[in-house]
Protein backbone atom coordinates (compact mmCIF):
# COMPACT_ATOMS: atom_id res chain seq x y z
CA MET A 1 0.00 0.00 0.00
CA SER A 2 1.22 3.48 -0.82
CA PHE A 3 -0.31 6.94 -0.66
CA SER A 4 0.37 10.06 -2.69
CA LEU A 5 1.32 13.50 -1.44
CA ALA A 6 -2.09 14.74 -2.56
CA GLN A 7 -3.80 12.20 -0.32
CA ILE A 8 -1.61 13.12 2.64
CA LEU A 9 -2.45 16.80 2.17
CA ASP A 10 -6.15 16.03 1.90
CA TRP A 11 -6.29 13.86 5.02
CA THR A 12 -4.18 16.18 7.19
CA GLY A 13 -5.57 19.48 5.89
CA GLY A 14 -1.95 20.54 5.47
CA ARG A 15 0.16 22.45 2.97
CA VAL A 16 3.61 21.96 1.46
CA ALA A 17 5.83 24.26 3.55
CA ASN A 18 9.13 23.99 1.66
CA ALA A 19 10.15 24.09 -1.99
CA ALA A 20 8.30 21.69 -4.25
CA VAL A 21 10.06 18.37 -4.76
CA PRO A 22 10.26 17.21 -8.39
CA GLY A 23 8.57 13.97 -9.34
CA GLU A 24 5.76 11.95 -7.81
CA VAL A 25 6.09 11.48 -4.04
CA ARG A 26 4.49 8.36 -2.57
CA VAL A 27 4.92 6.85 0.87
CA GLU A 28 4.41 3.25 1.90
CA ARG A 29 4.42 3.31 5.70
CA PRO A 30 4.56 5.58 8.75
CA SER A 31 7.93 5.67 10.50
CA GLN A 32 9.83 7.07 13.44
CA LEU A 33 12.18 9.92 12.58
CA VAL A 34 15.46 8.08 13.02
CA GLY A 35 16.07 5.68 10.16
CA SER A 36 13.16 6.90 8.04
CA THR A 37 13.62 6.66 4.27
CA ALA A 38 12.21 8.15 1.08
CA THR A 39 9.20 5.80 1.10
CA ASP A 40 8.21 6.72 4.68
CA VAL A 41 6.08 9.42 6.24
CA ALA A 42 7.40 10.66 9.60
CA PHE A 43 6.05 13.12 12.17
CA PHE A 44 7.50 15.96 14.21
CA PHE A 45 5.03 17.38 16.71
CA SER A 46 7.11 17.98 19.84
CA ARG A 47 10.54 19.38 20.70
CA ASP A 48 11.05 16.21 22.74
CA PHE A 49 12.06 14.57 19.44
CA GLU A 50 14.33 17.38 18.24
CA ALA A 51 17.52 15.31 18.67
CA GLU A 52 16.16 12.72 16.20
CA LEU A 53 15.78 15.17 13.30
CA PRO A 54 19.35 14.89 11.92
CA GLY A 55 18.88 11.14 11.48
CA ALA A 56 15.63 11.49 9.55
CA ARG A 57 15.28 11.06 5.75
CA PRO A 58 11.54 10.59 5.17
CA GLY A 59 9.81 11.19 1.87
CA ILE A 60 7.21 13.28 3.72
CA LEU A 61 7.52 14.95 7.12
CA VAL A 62 4.30 16.07 8.80
CA THR A 63 4.78 18.84 11.32
CA GLY A 64 3.04 21.83 12.90
CA GLU A 65 2.93 25.34 11.52
CA ASP A 66 4.94 26.61 14.51
CA PHE A 67 7.86 24.33 13.63
CA VAL A 68 8.26 25.34 9.98
CA LYS A 69 10.54 28.37 10.41
CA PRO A 70 12.78 26.73 13.05
CA LEU A 71 13.19 23.68 10.81
CA GLU A 72 14.09 25.83 7.83
CA LYS A 73 16.64 27.82 9.85
CA ALA A 74 18.19 24.64 11.26
CA GLY A 75 19.75 23.87 7.87
CA LEU A 76 18.99 20.16 8.08
CA PRO A 77 20.23 18.24 5.03
CA TRP A 78 16.80 16.84 4.17
CA TRP A 79 15.03 20.22 3.99
CA LYS A 80 15.38 20.29 0.19
CA SER A 81 14.72 16.60 -0.46
CA THR A 82 11.85 15.85 1.94
CA VAL A 83 8.37 17.24 1.43
CA VAL A 84 7.49 19.10 4.62
CA VAL A 85 3.74 19.15 5.24
CA ALA A 86 2.60 21.71 7.80
CA CYS A 87 -0.79 21.39 9.47
CA SER A 88 -2.60 22.75 12.51
CA ASP A 89 -2.43 19.55 14.59
CA PRO A 90 0.37 17.16 13.58
CA TYR A 91 -0.30 14.76 16.47
CA ARG A 92 -3.90 14.26 15.35
CA ALA A 93 -2.65 14.02 11.77
CA MET A 94 -0.46 11.11 12.89
CA GLY A 95 -3.55 9.37 14.23
CA ILE A 96 -5.45 9.90 10.97
CA LEU A 97 -2.60 8.64 8.79
CA THR A 98 -1.82 5.61 10.95
CA GLU A 99 -5.46 4.60 10.57
CA LYS A 100 -5.17 4.90 6.80
CA PHE A 101 -2.10 2.68 6.75
CA ALA A 102 -3.62 0.26 9.25
CA GLY A 103 -6.41 -0.37 6.77
CA SER A 104 -4.06 -2.72 4.91
CA GLN A 105 -3.31 -4.69 8.09
CA LEU A 106 -6.76 -5.73 9.18
CA THR A 107 -5.42 -8.40 11.52
CA VAL A 108 -4.30 -5.43 13.60
CA ALA A 109 -6.79 -2.73 12.74
CA HIS A 110 -10.06 -4.59 12.14
CA LEU A 111 -11.47 -1.36 10.81
CA PRO A 112 -15.16 -1.24 9.93
CA GLU A 113 -15.66 -1.07 6.18
CA GLY A 114 -16.47 2.64 6.15
CA ARG A 115 -13.07 3.46 7.72
CA ARG A 116 -10.83 1.24 5.60
CA SER A 117 -8.62 2.75 2.92
CA GLY A 118 -9.72 2.21 -0.65
CA GLN A 119 -7.13 -0.51 -1.27
CA ALA A 120 -8.04 -2.59 1.77
CA LYS A 121 -10.29 -5.61 1.50
CA ALA A 122 -12.26 -7.49 4.11
CA PRO A 123 -10.02 -9.85 6.10
CA ALA A 124 -9.78 -13.42 4.85
CA PHE A 125 -10.95 -14.77 8.21
CA ALA A 126 -14.17 -12.70 8.24
CA GLY A 127 -17.13 -14.87 9.14
CA LYS A 128 -15.07 -17.96 9.98
CA ILE A 129 -15.82 -19.89 13.15
CA SER A 130 -13.27 -22.36 14.50
CA LYS A 131 -14.44 -25.94 14.90
CA SER A 132 -13.01 -25.93 18.42
CA ALA A 133 -15.19 -23.02 19.57
CA ASP A 134 -17.85 -23.98 22.14
CA ILE A 135 -21.00 -21.96 21.39
CA HIS A 136 -24.20 -22.46 23.37
CA PRO A 137 -27.22 -23.15 21.13
CA SER A 138 -29.07 -20.16 22.60
CA ALA A 139 -26.29 -17.68 21.74
CA VAL A 140 -27.05 -15.25 18.91
CA ILE A 141 -24.17 -14.75 16.48
CA GLY A 142 -24.33 -11.83 14.03
CA HIS A 143 -23.26 -11.68 10.39
CA GLU A 144 -19.58 -12.16 9.43
CA VAL A 145 -18.50 -12.79 13.02
CA SER A 146 -15.03 -14.34 13.38
CA ILE A 147 -14.53 -16.78 16.26
CA GLY A 148 -11.11 -18.25 17.02
CA ALA A 149 -9.99 -21.54 18.46
CA GLY A 150 -11.07 -22.39 21.99
CA VAL A 151 -13.56 -19.53 22.34
CA VAL A 152 -16.41 -20.27 24.76
CA ILE A 153 -19.74 -18.45 24.35
CA GLU A 154 -22.31 -19.18 27.04
CA GLN A 155 -26.09 -19.20 26.95
CA GLY A 156 -27.99 -16.07 26.07
CA ALA A 157 -24.96 -14.20 24.73
CA LYS A 158 -25.39 -11.93 21.71
CA ILE A 159 -22.49 -11.11 19.38
CA GLY A 160 -22.82 -8.18 16.96
CA ASP A 161 -22.09 -8.19 13.25
CA ARG A 162 -18.46 -8.37 12.06
CA THR A 163 -17.15 -8.74 15.60
CA VAL A 164 -13.86 -10.63 16.02
CA LEU A 165 -13.21 -12.98 18.95
CA TYR A 166 -9.59 -14.11 19.11
CA PRO A 167 -8.61 -17.57 20.46
CA GLY A 168 -9.29 -18.29 24.09
CA VAL A 169 -11.94 -15.61 24.70
CA PHE A 170 -14.61 -16.44 27.29
CA VAL A 171 -18.04 -14.84 26.81
CA GLY A 172 -20.23 -15.41 29.84
CA PRO A 173 -24.01 -15.87 30.06
CA ASN A 174 -26.14 -13.02 28.70
CA VAL A 175 -23.19 -10.93 27.55
CA VAL A 176 -24.26 -8.45 24.86
CA MET A 177 -21.69 -7.25 22.35
CA GLY A 178 -22.24 -4.64 19.61
CA ASP A 179 -21.13 -4.58 15.99
CA ASP A 180 -17.46 -4.35 14.90
CA CYS A 181 -15.95 -5.18 18.30
CA VAL A 182 -12.48 -6.75 18.54
CA ILE A 183 -11.78 -8.97 21.54
CA PHE A 184 -8.15 -10.08 21.64
CA PRO A 185 -6.87 -13.44 23.02
CA ASN A 186 -7.80 -14.70 26.48
CA VAL A 187 -10.15 -11.86 27.38
CA VAL A 188 -12.76 -12.87 29.99
CA LEU A 189 -16.22 -11.31 29.96
CA TYR A 190 -18.23 -12.40 33.00
CA GLU A 191 -22.01 -12.72 32.88
CA GLN A 192 -24.16 -9.76 31.80
CA VAL A 193 -21.28 -7.58 30.59
CA GLN A 194 -22.55 -5.19 27.92
CA LEU A 195 -20.36 -3.78 25.15
CA GLY A 196 -21.34 -1.10 22.65
CA LYS A 197 -20.15 -0.88 19.06
CA ARG A 198 -16.50 -0.81 17.95
CA VAL A 199 -15.16 -1.74 21.39
CA ARG A 200 -11.57 -3.05 21.45
CA ILE A 201 -10.42 -5.12 24.44
CA HIS A 202 -6.81 -6.26 24.49
CA ALA A 203 -5.35 -9.58 25.57
CA GLY A 204 -5.89 -10.85 29.09
CA ALA A 205 -8.35 -8.18 30.24
CA VAL A 206 -11.12 -9.26 32.65
CA LEU A 207 -14.48 -7.49 32.78
CA GLY A 208 -17.15 -8.27 35.35
CA ALA A 209 -15.27 -9.99 38.17
CA ASP A 210 -16.61 -9.46 41.70
CA GLY A 211 -15.74 -6.21 43.39
CA PHE A 212 -13.41 -6.38 46.36
CA GLY A 213 -15.76 -6.26 49.33
CA TYR A 214 -15.57 -8.10 52.66
CA ALA A 215 -17.25 -7.48 55.99
CA PRO A 216 -15.09 -8.47 58.99
CA THR A 217 -16.42 -11.19 61.25
CA LYS A 218 -15.53 -11.17 64.96
CA ASP A 219 -15.81 -13.18 68.12
CA GLY A 220 -16.21 -10.30 70.52
CA GLU A 221 -13.33 -8.04 69.59
CA LYS A 222 -11.25 -10.84 68.07
CA PRO A 223 -11.21 -10.96 64.23
CA THR A 224 -12.24 -14.38 62.97
CA GLY A 225 -12.63 -13.95 59.21
CA HIS A 226 -14.19 -12.08 56.34
CA GLN A 227 -17.78 -12.25 55.11
CA LYS A 228 -17.74 -11.90 51.33
CA ILE A 229 -20.06 -9.30 49.83
CA TYR A 230 -21.41 -10.62 46.54
CA HIS A 231 -21.89 -8.27 43.64
CA PHE A 232 -24.97 -8.14 41.40
CA GLY A 233 -24.25 -5.18 39.12
CA ARG A 234 -22.85 -5.23 35.59
CA VAL A 235 -20.03 -3.72 33.58
CA VAL A 236 -21.52 -1.52 30.85
CA VAL A 237 -19.22 -0.23 28.11
CA GLY A 238 -20.23 2.38 25.53
CA ASP A 239 -19.34 2.75 21.86
CA ASP A 240 -15.73 3.29 20.70
CA VAL A 241 -14.16 2.38 24.03
CA GLU A 242 -10.69 0.78 24.09
CA ILE A 243 -9.43 -1.26 27.06
CA GLY A 244 -5.78 -2.23 27.43
CA ALA A 245 -4.16 -5.59 28.06
CA LEU A 246 -4.36 -7.18 31.54
CA THR A 247 -6.77 -4.55 32.82
CA ALA A 248 -9.45 -5.62 35.34
CA ILE A 249 -12.84 -3.92 35.57
CA ASP A 250 -15.09 -5.12 38.39
CA ARG A 251 -18.86 -5.36 38.28
CA GLY A 252 -20.93 -3.02 40.44
CA THR A 253 -22.20 -4.07 43.86
CA PHE A 254 -25.84 -3.41 42.99
CA GLY A 255 -25.64 -0.70 40.32
CA ASP A 256 -23.29 -0.81 37.33
CA THR A 257 -19.67 -0.04 36.62
CA VAL A 258 -19.85 2.19 33.54
CA LEU A 259 -17.44 3.26 30.81
CA GLU A 260 -19.18 5.82 28.62
CA ARG A 261 -18.56 6.25 24.90
CA ASN A 262 -15.05 7.06 23.70
CA ALA A 263 -13.39 6.36 27.07
CA LYS A 264 -9.85 4.93 26.86
CA VAL A 265 -8.18 2.68 29.45
CA ASP A 266 -4.52 1.68 29.21
CA ASN A 267 -2.84 -1.60 30.18
CA LEU A 268 -2.63 -2.92 33.76
CA CYS A 269 -5.38 -0.78 35.26
CA GLN A 270 -7.80 -1.70 38.04
CA LEU A 271 -11.30 -0.20 37.99
CA GLY A 272 -13.19 -1.13 41.13
CA HIS A 273 -16.90 -1.73 41.62
CA ASN A 274 -19.26 1.07 40.60
CA THR A 275 -16.52 3.21 39.07
CA ARG A 276 -17.53 5.44 36.16
CA LEU A 277 -15.57 6.87 33.27
CA GLU A 278 -17.57 9.57 31.58
CA GLU A 279 -17.44 10.32 27.86
CA GLY A 280 -13.88 10.55 26.51
CA ALA A 281 -12.14 10.04 29.86
CA VAL A 282 -8.57 8.71 29.55
CA VAL A 283 -6.98 6.51 32.23
CA CYS A 284 -3.30 5.69 31.63
CA GLY A 285 -1.30 2.60 32.59
CA GLY A 286 -1.03 1.24 36.12
CA ASN A 287 -3.89 3.26 37.62
CA SER A 288 -6.09 1.95 40.41
CA LEU A 289 -9.59 3.38 40.87
CA ALA A 290 -11.27 2.46 44.15
CA GLY A 291 -14.96 1.67 44.37
CA GLY A 292 -17.36 4.42 43.37
CA SER A 293 -14.70 6.78 42.05
CA SER A 294 -15.29 8.54 38.74
CA VAL A 295 -13.47 10.45 36.01
CA GLY A 296 -15.27 13.26 34.19
CA ARG A 297 -15.70 14.03 30.52
CA TYR A 298 -12.38 14.16 28.62
CA ALA A 299 -10.39 14.27 31.85
CA LEU A 300 -6.92 12.70 31.84
CA VAL A 301 -5.43 10.54 34.62
CA LEU A 302 -1.76 9.86 33.91
CA GLY A 303 0.09 6.70 34.97
CA ILE A 304 0.38 4.96 38.34
CA CYS A 305 -2.20 7.09 40.18
CA GLY A 306 -4.59 5.99 42.87
CA LEU A 307 -8.15 7.29 43.27
CA ALA A 308 -9.72 6.89 46.70
CA ASN A 309 -13.28 5.66 47.23
CA ARG A 310 -15.98 7.85 45.71
CA VAL A 311 -13.74 10.74 44.62
CA HIS A 312 -14.52 12.51 41.36
CA VAL A 313 -12.08 13.94 38.81
CA GLY A 314 -13.91 16.83 37.15
CA ASP A 315 -14.50 17.37 33.45
CA GLY A 316 -11.34 18.29 31.56
CA ALA A 317 -9.10 17.95 34.63
CA ARG A 318 -5.58 16.51 34.49
CA VAL A 319 -4.03 14.29 37.14
CA ALA A 320 -0.23 14.05 36.98
CA ALA A 321 1.51 10.69 37.21
CA MET A 322 1.86 9.04 40.64
CA THR A 323 -0.75 11.28 42.28
CA LEU A 324 -2.88 10.04 45.18
CA VAL A 325 -6.32 11.51 44.49
CA SER A 326 -7.78 11.69 47.99
CA LYS A 327 -10.48 14.30 47.32
CA ASP A 328 -12.48 15.65 44.39
CA VAL A 329 -10.58 17.38 41.59
CA PRO A 330 -12.35 20.52 40.30
CA PRO A 331 -13.12 20.63 36.57
CA GLY A 332 -10.35 21.95 34.33
CA THR A 333 -7.62 21.92 36.99
CA THR A 334 -4.28 20.09 37.09
CA VAL A 335 -3.28 18.28 40.28
CA SER A 336 -0.22 16.31 41.36
CA GLY A 337 1.61 14.82 44.30
CA ASN A 338 0.98 12.94 47.52
CA PRO A 339 -0.72 14.58 49.28
CA MET A 340 -2.58 15.88 46.24
CA ARG A 341 -2.34 19.59 45.55
CA GLU A 342 -2.87 21.90 42.60
CA HIS A 343 0.14 21.32 40.39
CA LYS A 344 1.60 24.82 40.86
CA GLU A 345 1.36 24.40 44.63
CA THR A 346 3.16 21.03 44.38
CA LEU A 347 6.00 22.68 42.47
CA ARG A 348 6.27 25.43 45.11
CA ALA A 349 6.33 22.82 47.89
CA HIS A 350 9.14 20.90 46.17
CA ALA A 351 11.08 24.12 45.65
CA ALA A 352 10.75 24.94 49.35
CA LEU A 353 11.95 21.45 50.30
CA ASN A 354 14.92 21.79 47.95
CA ARG A 355 15.86 25.12 49.53
CA LEU A 356 15.59 23.60 53.01
CA ALA A 357 17.72 20.60 52.02
CA SER A 358 20.33 22.89 50.45
CA HIS A 359 20.42 25.00 53.62
CA LYS A 360 20.91 21.89 55.80
CA ARG A 361 23.81 20.71 53.63
CA LYS A 362 25.57 24.03 54.15
CA GLU A 363 25.29 23.86 57.95
């Protein structure tokens, strides 16, 4: 698969920012900057990658308007041989173009037909069901569903059209799954889990396990054990949600654990019972959300954070990595640290500690 410069300009809404390059320019794959060649398209959207520019030789470089003049002044050897495409949002452009290229690798992308590139065809495995799959007679299987080896689908389950179940997936009783979902190997969906359309769940994730709830039992004041609290809620997932590998999302105690449309969850996350991710919320790797906590619309929780029971991260807020969220985060704010503070206050506190430590060393 290859794409022309005209297609790249159309999809990114960009313009050619340097001198025109003679001849037809076509690119065959997206690439990192270092080691890129004339048949690659590469991206420069952050100064964090500035040191990689001298080692780049892409056919097309997609960048932001703000970077054009600095790149030209830098005198890089590829300025006159690479087509530099400037656009308003090069990071989003990278997402758009990677989707176009992914259309030729449907074993990875599994793009619905309306989002495939013109050269991409339906995958060869579409509609095939492995002979080793164990499907209950009452399960409803949609059109062109692909079911891999060793998949188990229990009674009352409903699988939407064109959905792909990789080998080893377990679909519990009365699970409902929308169209165009992709469930990667060894995912476990407990009973009554509900998935919307175009949901992607990566390998080893578990949805619908019991929440972690135990009431202590005592003989007088002496602890004797733990009375398990059973959970009767569901996990309900909206359209266009993606869930990372080895993530665990517990069912609600009585109500539901909910991930609204367009929410994104990274690998190795724990979402406790009755948690809620509102539309577009992003939860990065290694996060742990205690029962009843919630993340607002298009808020961002960076890696290895902990959210205490029933706290709420407001709409559009940002939680820095390794923050302990012990109280509600107001909408639109940025917080960090342990104890959690507004990010500017955390920086001032660290500066004060550094000054104190420096003073002690001088004594």
